[in-house]
Every structure is written in C-alpha cells, then in structure tokens.
Amino acid sequence: MTCWAYFDALATQQHVIGKRFATAEWYLEHSLADTRLAFKVSNDGTVLTTALWSAAPSTATWYFVHCFYDAGR
C-alpha cells in the first residue's frame, strides 16, 4: 500500500486508507491512543497486527507512506 497523507489536525483518530469487506483486512490510520501513524493488518478479520511509526506526524506536512505485509512470513 502506498499513499500520500496530510493532516490539518491530529486531535482525532483518522483513517487514511484501507481495505475492508465484512471485517478489517488492512488500514492505515492516525492512532489517537499512540499519537502516531499505525498500519494494521488482519489475516482473519479479528486479530490485528500493528506496525507503528517511530515518531508522531505533524500537521500541515505531506507524508509519503509505503507499507508492506507478507502473510506468508
């Protein structure tokens, strides 16, 4: 998954991009609890694996984001 992300504010949890059918498969969000970008994936729609950015994003800044997940590894 590759995208550009831009935030006007960081006071709420915000989904940036994702794929969801009946349950979440994968998505990128600004996690309010962690104050960072979080890439979350699920093989079964219930248990999420999360990768967090090392630092909090800033407002009024463009971010180029690339996330990769290989369920076979």
C-alpha atoms as a PDB file:
ATOM      1  CA  MET A   1       0.000   0.000   0.000  1.00  0.00           C
ATOM      2  CA  THR A   2       1.382   3.384  -0.950  1.00  0.00           C
ATOM      3  CA  CYS A   3      -0.220   6.786  -0.422  1.00  0.00           C
ATOM      4  CA  TRP A   4       0.304  10.409   0.489  1.00  0.00           C
ATOM      5  CA  ALA A   5      -1.108  11.613   3.830  1.00  0.00           C
ATOM      6  CA  TYR A   6      -1.712  15.162   5.042  1.00  0.00           C
ATOM      7  CA  PHE A   7      -3.251  16.189   8.369  1.00  0.00           C
ATOM      8  CA  ASP A   8      -4.945  19.503   9.159  1.00  0.00           C
ATOM      9  CA  ALA A   9      -5.404  18.392  12.779  1.00  0.00           C
ATOM     10  CA  LEU A  10      -4.329  15.454  14.928  1.00  0.00           C
ATOM     11  CA  ALA A  11      -6.904  15.644  17.726  1.00  0.00           C
ATOM     12  CA  THR A  12      -8.949  12.670  16.489  1.00  0.00           C
ATOM     13  CA  GLN A  13      -8.348   9.158  15.197  1.00  0.00           C
ATOM     14  CA  GLN A  14      -8.301   9.348  11.397  1.00  0.00           C
ATOM     15  CA  HIS A  15      -8.327   6.557   8.845  1.00  0.00           C
ATOM     16  CA  VAL A  16      -6.116   7.389   5.858  1.00  0.00           C
ATOM     17  CA  ILE A  17      -6.600   4.395   3.555  1.00  0.00           C
ATOM     18  CA  GLY A  18      -7.686   0.788   3.887  1.00  0.00           C
ATOM     19  CA  LYS A  19      -9.444  -2.284   2.551  1.00  0.00           C
ATOM     20  CA  ARG A  20     -12.446  -3.624   4.391  1.00  0.00           C
ATOM     21  CA  PHE A  21     -15.204  -6.045   3.490  1.00  0.00           C
ATOM     22  CA  ALA A  22     -17.162  -7.601   6.369  1.00  0.00           C
ATOM     23  CA  THR A  23     -14.144  -7.188   8.643  1.00  0.00           C
ATOM     24  CA  ALA A  24     -10.931  -5.176   8.534  1.00  0.00           C
ATOM     25  CA  GLU A  25      -8.241  -6.606   6.265  1.00  0.00           C
ATOM     26  CA  TRP A  26      -5.754  -3.710   6.430  1.00  0.00           C
ATOM     27  CA  TYR A  27      -5.726   0.009   7.040  1.00  0.00           C
ATOM     28  CA  LEU A  28      -3.507   2.972   7.835  1.00  0.00           C
ATOM     29  CA  GLU A  29      -4.672   5.412  10.487  1.00  0.00           C
ATOM     30  CA  HIS A  30      -3.530   8.188  12.753  1.00  0.00           C
ATOM     31  CA  SER A  31      -3.878   6.426  16.094  1.00  0.00           C
ATOM     32  CA  LEU A  32      -5.024   8.842  18.765  1.00  0.00           C
ATOM     33  CA  ALA A  33      -4.019   6.398  21.523  1.00  0.00           C
ATOM     34  CA  ASP A  34      -0.453   6.077  20.185  1.00  0.00           C
ATOM     35  CA  THR A  35      -0.249   9.590  18.616  1.00  0.00           C
ATOM     36  CA  ARG A  36       1.461   8.018  15.601  1.00  0.00           C
ATOM     37  CA  LEU A  37       0.575   6.507  12.257  1.00  0.00           C
ATOM     38  CA  ALA A  38      -0.400   2.872  12.602  1.00  0.00           C
ATOM     39  CA  PHE A  39      -0.552   0.254   9.821  1.00  0.00           C
ATOM     40  CA  LYS A  40      -2.883  -2.563  10.909  1.00  0.00           C
ATOM     41  CA  VAL A  41      -3.468  -5.888   9.138  1.00  0.00           C
ATOM     42  CA  SER A  42      -5.541  -8.974   9.886  1.00  0.00           C
ATOM     43  CA  ASN A  43      -5.479 -12.444   8.360  1.00  0.00           C
ATOM     44  CA  ASP A  44      -8.794 -13.491   9.920  1.00  0.00           C
ATOM     45  CA  GLY A  45     -10.639 -10.197  10.378  1.00  0.00           C
ATOM     46  CA  THR A  46     -10.420 -10.246  14.158  1.00  0.00           C
ATOM     47  CA  VAL A  47      -6.787 -10.271  15.318  1.00  0.00           C
ATOM     48  CA  LEU A  48      -4.828  -7.188  14.213  1.00  0.00           C
ATOM     49  CA  THR A  49      -1.067  -6.927  13.774  1.00  0.00           C
ATOM     50  CA  THR A  50       0.115  -3.323  14.162  1.00  0.00           C
ATOM     51  CA  ALA A  51       3.214  -1.502  12.955  1.00  0.00           C
ATOM     52  CA  LEU A  52       3.698   1.995  14.408  1.00  0.00           C
ATOM     53  CA  TRP A  53       5.740   4.884  13.041  1.00  0.00           C
ATOM     54  CA  SER A  54       8.661   5.792  15.236  1.00  0.00           C
ATOM     55  CA  ALA A  55       7.518   9.417  15.672  1.00  0.00           C
ATOM     56  CA  ALA A  56       4.275  11.383  15.701  1.00  0.00           C
ATOM     57  CA  PRO A  57       3.288  13.137  12.459  1.00  0.00           C
ATOM     58  CA  SER A  58       2.941  16.912  12.248  1.00  0.00           C
ATOM     59  CA  THR A  59       0.116  18.982  10.831  1.00  0.00           C
ATOM     60  CA  ALA A  60       0.489  20.834   7.511  1.00  0.00           C
ATOM     61  CA  THR A  61       3.085  18.340   6.262  1.00  0.00           C
ATOM     62  CA  TRP A  62       2.796  15.842   3.412  1.00  0.00           C
ATOM     63  CA  TYR A  63       3.932  12.264   4.165  1.00  0.00           C
ATOM     64  CA  PHE A  64       4.686   9.631   1.555  1.00  0.00           C
ATOM     65  CA  VAL A  65       3.750   6.302   3.146  1.00  0.00           C
ATOM     66  CA  HIS A  66       4.580   2.815   1.914  1.00  0.00           C
ATOM     67  CA  CYS A  67       3.510  -0.243   3.931  1.00  0.00           C
ATOM     68  CA  PHE A  68       4.056  -3.892   3.072  1.00  0.00           C
ATOM     69  CA  TYR A  69       2.792  -7.062   4.700  1.00  0.00           C
ATOM     70  CA  ASP A  70       3.518 -10.656   3.685  1.00  0.00           C
ATOM     71  CA  ALA A  71       1.179 -13.072   5.475  1.00  0.00           C
ATOM     72  CA  GLY A  72       3.407 -15.983   4.475  1.00  0.00           C
ATOM     73  CA  ARG A  73       6.350 -14.787   6.568  1.00  0.00           C
END
